Amino acid sequence: MEKPDRKATREERLAAQLRANLRRRKAQARQQTDSDVVLPKPDPGG
């Protein structure tokens, strides 16, 4: 079994990775919404 201090460092590392992943996903979502604004959908009747 892991020592308490090793477990804490592992949890901190995992929490940091989750935060980084969330930031990356938010940036990708923002980029996607920005590209939707820049590139309007073509007119289907047109």
Protein backbone atom coordinates (compact mmCIF):
# COMPACT_ATOMS: atom_id res chain seq x y z
CA MET A 1 0.00 0.00 0.00
CA GLU A 2 1.16 3.56 -0.71
CA LYS A 3 2.46 5.81 2.03
CA PRO A 4 0.20 8.76 2.89
CA ASP A 5 2.67 11.34 1.55
CA ARG A 6 3.06 9.46 -1.76
CA LYS A 7 -0.71 9.23 -2.05
CA ALA A 8 -1.03 12.98 -1.50
CA THR A 9 1.55 13.77 -4.19
CA ARG A 10 -0.18 11.38 -6.58
CA GLU A 11 -3.53 13.03 -5.91
CA GLU A 12 -1.99 16.47 -6.45
CA ARG A 13 -0.44 15.32 -9.73
CA LEU A 14 -3.74 13.85 -10.91
CA ALA A 15 -5.62 17.01 -9.92
CA ALA A 16 -3.13 19.11 -11.89
CA GLN A 17 -3.58 16.87 -14.94
CA LEU A 18 -7.36 17.18 -14.66
CA ARG A 19 -7.11 20.98 -14.50
CA ALA A 20 -4.81 21.02 -17.53
CA ASN A 21 -7.19 18.75 -19.44
CA LEU A 22 -10.14 20.97 -18.57
CA ARG A 23 -8.26 24.08 -19.75
CA ARG A 24 -7.34 22.32 -23.00
CA ARG A 25 -10.93 21.19 -23.60
CA LYS A 26 -12.29 24.68 -22.87
CA ALA A 27 -9.79 26.17 -25.31
CA GLN A 28 -10.83 23.66 -27.98
CA ALA A 29 -14.50 24.45 -27.38
CA ARG A 30 -13.80 28.18 -27.63
CA GLN A 31 -11.86 27.61 -30.84
CA GLN A 32 -14.75 25.59 -32.25
CA THR A 33 -17.31 28.29 -31.44
CA ASP A 34 -14.99 30.96 -32.86
CA SER A 35 -14.59 29.03 -36.11
CA ASP A 36 -18.39 28.67 -36.33
CA VAL A 37 -18.73 32.45 -36.15
CA VAL A 38 -16.02 33.07 -38.75
CA LEU A 39 -17.34 30.47 -41.19
CA PRO A 40 -21.13 30.87 -41.58
CA LYS A 41 -23.09 27.91 -42.85
CA PRO A 42 -23.99 28.02 -46.56
CA ASP A 43 -27.57 28.83 -47.55
CA PRO A 44 -29.31 25.52 -48.38
CA GLY A 45 -31.68 27.24 -50.84
CA GLY A 46 -28.94 28.86 -52.67
